[in-house]
Amino acid sequence: MTRYNFFIKLFAVAIIVTLFAAIAPVGRASADTGATSGPASGVPTAPVLVTGEQYLLDNINATRAAAGLGTLTIDPTLEQLSRSRSTDMATRGYFSHYTPEGTTFIDMINNLNLYYSNIGEIINRNNYDDASSPQIAFTSFMNSPLHKSYIMTPEFSEVGVGIATDSNGVKYYTVIFLAQ
């Protein structure tokens, strides 16, 4: 391994460690202890969604409701993870369910000790303007049978939605679903 490759790999590991530190569980039960974490009041802080995130959540929930399915609620930990996934892809210039190191969102959720019976992730990227981009992402999800199947999975009850934009204006969307 060249010295250059060693430093690139070391830098990548440092980014991953930073991402894991940034997505510490907030207001979620640990799988092994049942303990929760959150603000001093003990009540989890609900994240404020940006416009595109809210658009996706509203349309996903409207589609589920029209099919007689329950709506999804934003989970603070999943929201942080979704945003971190989108930011990582935008920052490091890849588009995949796997990080360049081979880590998946499932690995990340397991490292957070979150309990789940079913989980799923859908991702999208596009370079449309800010006003059109969320609609294009949602339409792409619904036009893909696999992505639509995640949106329409009846067991899912919690979700995180993340958006990040790279230096060229490309938007990266991540939606992570969870069933307890």
C-alpha atoms as a PDB file:
ATOM      1  CA  MET A   1       0.000   0.000   0.000  1.00  0.00           C
ATOM      2  CA  THR A   2       1.406   3.367  -0.945  1.00  0.00           C
ATOM      3  CA  ARG A   3       1.728   6.106   1.608  1.00  0.00           C
ATOM      4  CA  TYR A   4      -0.941   8.090  -0.306  1.00  0.00           C
ATOM      5  CA  ASN A   5      -3.442   5.184  -0.146  1.00  0.00           C
ATOM      6  CA  PHE A   6      -2.741   4.732   3.551  1.00  0.00           C
ATOM      7  CA  PHE A   7      -3.609   8.370   4.266  1.00  0.00           C
ATOM      8  CA  ILE A   8      -6.745   8.220   2.097  1.00  0.00           C
ATOM      9  CA  LYS A   9      -7.943   5.157   4.017  1.00  0.00           C
ATOM     10  CA  LEU A  10      -7.059   6.774   7.335  1.00  0.00           C
ATOM     11  CA  PHE A  11      -9.025   9.883   6.329  1.00  0.00           C
ATOM     12  CA  ALA A  12     -12.029   7.742   5.313  1.00  0.00           C
ATOM     13  CA  VAL A  13     -11.991   5.939   8.666  1.00  0.00           C
ATOM     14  CA  ALA A  14     -11.863   9.299  10.459  1.00  0.00           C
ATOM     15  CA  ILE A  15     -14.955  10.451   8.533  1.00  0.00           C
ATOM     16  CA  ILE A  16     -16.869   7.281   9.414  1.00  0.00           C
ATOM     17  CA  VAL A  17     -15.938   7.583  13.097  1.00  0.00           C
ATOM     18  CA  THR A  18     -17.098  11.211  13.025  1.00  0.00           C
ATOM     19  CA  LEU A  19     -20.393  10.200  11.390  1.00  0.00           C
ATOM     20  CA  PHE A  20     -21.048   7.524  14.007  1.00  0.00           C
ATOM     21  CA  ALA A  21     -20.302  10.002  16.786  1.00  0.00           C
ATOM     22  CA  ALA A  22     -22.737  12.473  15.221  1.00  0.00           C
ATOM     23  CA  ILE A  23     -25.609   9.973  15.120  1.00  0.00           C
ATOM     24  CA  ALA A  24     -25.663   8.887  18.748  1.00  0.00           C
ATOM     25  CA  PRO A  25     -29.130   7.665  19.767  1.00  0.00           C
ATOM     26  CA  VAL A  26     -31.567  10.317  20.921  1.00  0.00           C
ATOM     27  CA  GLY A  27     -34.756   9.324  22.705  1.00  0.00           C
ATOM     28  CA  ARG A  28     -34.636   5.685  21.587  1.00  0.00           C
ATOM     29  CA  ALA A  29     -34.646   2.545  23.678  1.00  0.00           C
ATOM     30  CA  SER A  30     -31.528   0.446  23.698  1.00  0.00           C
ATOM     31  CA  ALA A  31     -32.128  -3.144  22.604  1.00  0.00           C
ATOM     32  CA  ASP A  32     -30.389  -4.667  25.585  1.00  0.00           C
ATOM     33  CA  THR A  33     -31.190  -2.348  28.507  1.00  0.00           C
ATOM     34  CA  GLY A  34     -34.451  -0.586  27.688  1.00  0.00           C
ATOM     35  CA  ALA A  35     -32.803   2.669  28.749  1.00  0.00           C
ATOM     36  CA  THR A  36     -33.521   5.833  26.815  1.00  0.00           C
ATOM     37  CA  SER A  37     -31.432   8.871  26.144  1.00  0.00           C
ATOM     38  CA  GLY A  38     -32.465  12.383  25.285  1.00  0.00           C
ATOM     39  CA  PRO A  39     -32.572  15.895  26.675  1.00  0.00           C
ATOM     40  CA  ALA A  40     -32.555  16.492  30.436  1.00  0.00           C
ATOM     41  CA  SER A  41     -36.364  16.562  30.418  1.00  0.00           C
ATOM     42  CA  GLY A  42     -36.367  12.948  29.190  1.00  0.00           C
ATOM     43  CA  VAL A  43     -38.493  13.922  26.167  1.00  0.00           C
ATOM     44  CA  PRO A  44     -36.865  13.353  22.762  1.00  0.00           C
ATOM     45  CA  THR A  45     -36.403  16.467  20.696  1.00  0.00           C
ATOM     46  CA  ALA A  46     -38.352  16.284  17.441  1.00  0.00           C
ATOM     47  CA  PRO A  47     -36.207  17.320  14.478  1.00  0.00           C
ATOM     48  CA  VAL A  48     -37.262  20.238  12.315  1.00  0.00           C
ATOM     49  CA  LEU A  49     -37.493  19.061   8.717  1.00  0.00           C
ATOM     50  CA  VAL A  50     -36.298  21.197   5.844  1.00  0.00           C
ATOM     51  CA  THR A  51     -38.784  21.840   3.028  1.00  0.00           C
ATOM     52  CA  GLY A  52     -37.679  18.937   0.812  1.00  0.00           C
ATOM     53  CA  GLU A  53     -37.652  16.497   3.716  1.00  0.00           C
ATOM     54  CA  GLN A  54     -41.150  17.594   4.746  1.00  0.00           C
ATOM     55  CA  TYR A  55     -42.338  17.251   1.137  1.00  0.00           C
ATOM     56  CA  LEU A  56     -41.130  13.650   0.980  1.00  0.00           C
ATOM     57  CA  LEU A  57     -42.614  12.765   4.368  1.00  0.00           C
ATOM     58  CA  ASP A  58     -45.974  14.344   3.501  1.00  0.00           C
ATOM     59  CA  ASN A  59     -46.179  12.553   0.144  1.00  0.00           C
ATOM     60  CA  ILE A  60     -45.062   9.209   1.553  1.00  0.00           C
ATOM     61  CA  ASN A  61     -47.694   9.495   4.289  1.00  0.00           C
ATOM     62  CA  ALA A  62     -50.421  10.633   1.861  1.00  0.00           C
ATOM     63  CA  THR A  63     -49.667   7.656  -0.390  1.00  0.00           C
ATOM     64  CA  ARG A  64     -49.742   5.247   2.542  1.00  0.00           C
ATOM     65  CA  ALA A  65     -52.968   6.760   3.920  1.00  0.00           C
ATOM     66  CA  ALA A  66     -54.660   6.512   0.510  1.00  0.00           C
ATOM     67  CA  ALA A  67     -53.842   2.782   0.553  1.00  0.00           C
ATOM     68  CA  GLY A  68     -55.234   2.370   4.080  1.00  0.00           C
ATOM     69  CA  LEU A  69     -51.803   2.101   5.714  1.00  0.00           C
ATOM     70  CA  GLY A  70     -50.658   3.877   8.847  1.00  0.00           C
ATOM     71  CA  THR A  71     -48.657   7.066   8.553  1.00  0.00           C
ATOM     72  CA  LEU A  72     -45.000   7.194   9.510  1.00  0.00           C
ATOM     73  CA  THR A  73     -43.616   9.332  12.315  1.00  0.00           C
ATOM     74  CA  ILE A  74     -40.204  10.940  12.275  1.00  0.00           C
ATOM     75  CA  ASP A  75     -37.783   9.292  14.647  1.00  0.00           C
ATOM     76  CA  PRO A  76     -34.944  11.617  15.766  1.00  0.00           C
ATOM     77  CA  THR A  77     -32.263   8.920  15.517  1.00  0.00           C
ATOM     78  CA  LEU A  78     -33.392   7.774  12.064  1.00  0.00           C
ATOM     79  CA  GLU A  79     -33.571  11.420  10.983  1.00  0.00           C
ATOM     80  CA  GLN A  80     -29.967  12.002  12.062  1.00  0.00           C
ATOM     81  CA  LEU A  81     -28.852   8.819  10.328  1.00  0.00           C
ATOM     82  CA  SER A  82     -30.700   9.700   7.094  1.00  0.00           C
ATOM     83  CA  ARG A  83     -29.146  13.143   7.038  1.00  0.00           C
ATOM     84  CA  SER A  84     -25.708  11.705   7.780  1.00  0.00           C
ATOM     85  CA  ARG A  85     -26.077   9.180   4.948  1.00  0.00           C
ATOM     86  CA  SER A  86     -27.064  11.909   2.463  1.00  0.00           C
ATOM     87  CA  THR A  87     -24.273  14.204   3.651  1.00  0.00           C
ATOM     88  CA  ASP A  88     -21.695  11.422   3.412  1.00  0.00           C
ATOM     89  CA  MET A  89     -22.690  10.600  -0.172  1.00  0.00           C
ATOM     90  CA  ALA A  90     -22.693  14.282  -1.180  1.00  0.00           C
ATOM     91  CA  THR A  91     -19.382  15.014   0.537  1.00  0.00           C
ATOM     92  CA  ARG A  92     -17.515  11.948  -0.679  1.00  0.00           C
ATOM     93  CA  GLY A  93     -19.077  11.749  -4.145  1.00  0.00           C
ATOM     94  CA  TYR A  94     -20.647   8.293  -4.198  1.00  0.00           C
ATOM     95  CA  PHE A  95     -24.228   7.048  -4.592  1.00  0.00           C
ATOM     96  CA  SER A  96     -24.804   3.651  -3.031  1.00  0.00           C
ATOM     97  CA  HIS A  97     -26.399   1.753  -0.183  1.00  0.00           C
ATOM     98  CA  TYR A  98     -22.799   0.924   0.766  1.00  0.00           C
ATOM     99  CA  THR A  99     -20.202   3.450   1.897  1.00  0.00           C
ATOM    100  CA  PRO A 100     -16.859   3.213   0.082  1.00  0.00           C
ATOM    101  CA  GLU A 101     -15.689   1.124   3.061  1.00  0.00           C
ATOM    102  CA  GLY A 102     -18.564  -1.342   2.599  1.00  0.00           C
ATOM    103  CA  THR A 103     -20.673  -0.183   5.563  1.00  0.00           C
ATOM    104  CA  THR A 104     -24.463  -0.202   5.170  1.00  0.00           C
ATOM    105  CA  PHE A 105     -27.202   1.646   7.008  1.00  0.00           C
ATOM    106  CA  ILE A 106     -28.023  -1.694   8.670  1.00  0.00           C
ATOM    107  CA  ASP A 107     -24.506  -1.793  10.114  1.00  0.00           C
ATOM    108  CA  MET A 108     -24.969   1.772  11.346  1.00  0.00           C
ATOM    109  CA  ILE A 109     -28.333   0.994  12.979  1.00  0.00           C
ATOM    110  CA  ASN A 110     -26.884  -2.111  14.619  1.00  0.00           C
ATOM    111  CA  ASN A 111     -23.984  -0.033  15.970  1.00  0.00           C
ATOM    112  CA  LEU A 112     -26.573   2.283  17.553  1.00  0.00           C
ATOM    113  CA  ASN A 113     -28.146  -0.740  19.305  1.00  0.00           C
ATOM    114  CA  LEU A 114     -31.600   0.065  17.935  1.00  0.00           C
ATOM    115  CA  TYR A 115     -34.242  -2.633  18.097  1.00  0.00           C
ATOM    116  CA  TYR A 116     -36.122  -3.372  14.870  1.00  0.00           C
ATOM    117  CA  SER A 117     -38.097  -6.170  13.295  1.00  0.00           C
ATOM    118  CA  ASN A 118     -37.797  -4.738   9.773  1.00  0.00           C
ATOM    119  CA  ILE A 119     -35.817  -1.891   8.230  1.00  0.00           C
ATOM    120  CA  GLY A 120     -35.343  -0.437   4.778  1.00  0.00           C
ATOM    121  CA  GLU A 121     -33.503   2.347   2.996  1.00  0.00           C
ATOM    122  CA  ILE A 122     -34.271   4.112  -0.271  1.00  0.00           C
ATOM    123  CA  ILE A 123     -31.948   6.648  -1.876  1.00  0.00           C
ATOM    124  CA  ASN A 124     -32.152   9.051  -4.795  1.00  0.00           C
ATOM    125  CA  ARG A 125     -30.014  11.736  -6.324  1.00  0.00           C
ATOM    126  CA  ASN A 126     -30.856  14.333  -8.917  1.00  0.00           C
ATOM    127  CA  ASN A 127     -29.726  17.735 -10.101  1.00  0.00           C
ATOM    128  CA  TYR A 128     -33.095  19.443 -10.497  1.00  0.00           C
ATOM    129  CA  ASP A 129     -33.740  22.877  -9.004  1.00  0.00           C
ATOM    130  CA  ASP A 130     -34.601  23.110  -5.312  1.00  0.00           C
ATOM    131  CA  ALA A 131     -38.336  23.509  -6.002  1.00  0.00           C
ATOM    132  CA  SER A 132     -38.627  20.484  -8.340  1.00  0.00           C
ATOM    133  CA  SER A 133     -36.034  18.150  -6.828  1.00  0.00           C
ATOM    134  CA  PRO A 134     -38.111  16.622  -3.973  1.00  0.00           C
ATOM    135  CA  GLN A 135     -41.021  15.948  -6.346  1.00  0.00           C
ATOM    136  CA  ILE A 136     -38.670  14.264  -8.849  1.00  0.00           C
ATOM    137  CA  ALA A 137     -37.204  12.124  -6.044  1.00  0.00           C
ATOM    138  CA  PHE A 138     -40.655  11.069  -4.807  1.00  0.00           C
ATOM    139  CA  THR A 139     -41.860  10.279  -8.339  1.00  0.00           C
ATOM    140  CA  SER A 140     -38.725   8.204  -8.934  1.00  0.00           C
ATOM    141  CA  PHE A 141     -39.357   6.261  -5.729  1.00  0.00           C
ATOM    142  CA  MET A 142     -42.966   5.563  -6.695  1.00  0.00           C
ATOM    143  CA  ASN A 143     -42.022   4.534 -10.258  1.00  0.00           C
ATOM    144  CA  SER A 144     -39.590   1.922  -8.939  1.00  0.00           C
ATOM    145  CA  PRO A 145     -41.379  -1.249  -7.774  1.00  0.00           C
ATOM    146  CA  LEU A 146     -38.705  -1.989  -5.162  1.00  0.00           C
ATOM    147  CA  HIS A 147     -38.621   1.547  -3.730  1.00  0.00           C
ATOM    148  CA  LYS A 148     -42.429   1.725  -3.747  1.00  0.00           C
ATOM    149  CA  SER A 149     -42.594  -1.589  -1.871  1.00  0.00           C
ATOM    150  CA  TYR A 150     -40.591  -0.049   0.983  1.00  0.00           C
ATOM    151  CA  ILE A 151     -42.873   2.983   1.084  1.00  0.00           C
ATOM    152  CA  MET A 152     -45.906   0.694   1.165  1.00  0.00           C
ATOM    153  CA  THR A 153     -44.641  -1.835   3.728  1.00  0.00           C
ATOM    154  CA  PRO A 154     -47.463  -1.965   6.316  1.00  0.00           C
ATOM    155  CA  GLU A 155     -45.180  -2.803   9.273  1.00  0.00           C
ATOM    156  CA  PHE A 156     -43.102   0.359   8.993  1.00  0.00           C
ATOM    157  CA  SER A 157     -44.081   2.987  11.554  1.00  0.00           C
ATOM    158  CA  GLU A 158     -41.011   5.210  11.914  1.00  0.00           C
ATOM    159  CA  VAL A 159     -38.893   7.028   9.386  1.00  0.00           C
ATOM    160  CA  GLY A 160     -35.975   9.394   8.890  1.00  0.00           C
ATOM    161  CA  VAL A 161     -35.626  11.605   5.807  1.00  0.00           C
ATOM    162  CA  GLY A 162     -32.384  13.314   4.841  1.00  0.00           C
ATOM    163  CA  ILE A 163     -31.279  15.616   2.044  1.00  0.00           C
ATOM    164  CA  ALA A 164     -27.830  16.976   1.260  1.00  0.00           C
ATOM    165  CA  THR A 165     -26.489  18.918  -1.708  1.00  0.00           C
ATOM    166  CA  ASP A 166     -22.993  18.528  -3.120  1.00  0.00           C
ATOM    167  CA  SER A 167     -20.774  21.310  -4.460  1.00  0.00           C
ATOM    168  CA  ASN A 168     -22.248  20.851  -7.969  1.00  0.00           C
ATOM    169  CA  GLY A 169     -25.844  21.231  -6.808  1.00  0.00           C
ATOM    170  CA  VAL A 170     -26.693  17.520  -6.926  1.00  0.00           C
ATOM    171  CA  LYS A 171     -29.183  16.585  -4.194  1.00  0.00           C
ATOM    172  CA  TYR A 172     -28.877  13.275  -2.314  1.00  0.00           C
ATOM    173  CA  TYR A 173     -31.986  11.858  -0.637  1.00  0.00           C
ATOM    174  CA  THR A 174     -32.064   9.101   1.974  1.00  0.00           C
ATOM    175  CA  VAL A 175     -35.211   7.665   3.545  1.00  0.00           C
ATOM    176  CA  ILE A 176     -34.797   5.036   6.276  1.00  0.00           C
ATOM    177  CA  PHE A 177     -37.824   3.061   7.458  1.00  0.00           C
ATOM    178  CA  LEU A 178     -38.143   1.060  10.669  1.00  0.00           C
ATOM    179  CA  ALA A 179     -40.651  -1.307  12.219  1.00  0.00           C
ATOM    180  CA  GLN A 180     -40.305  -2.117  15.925  1.00  0.00           C
END
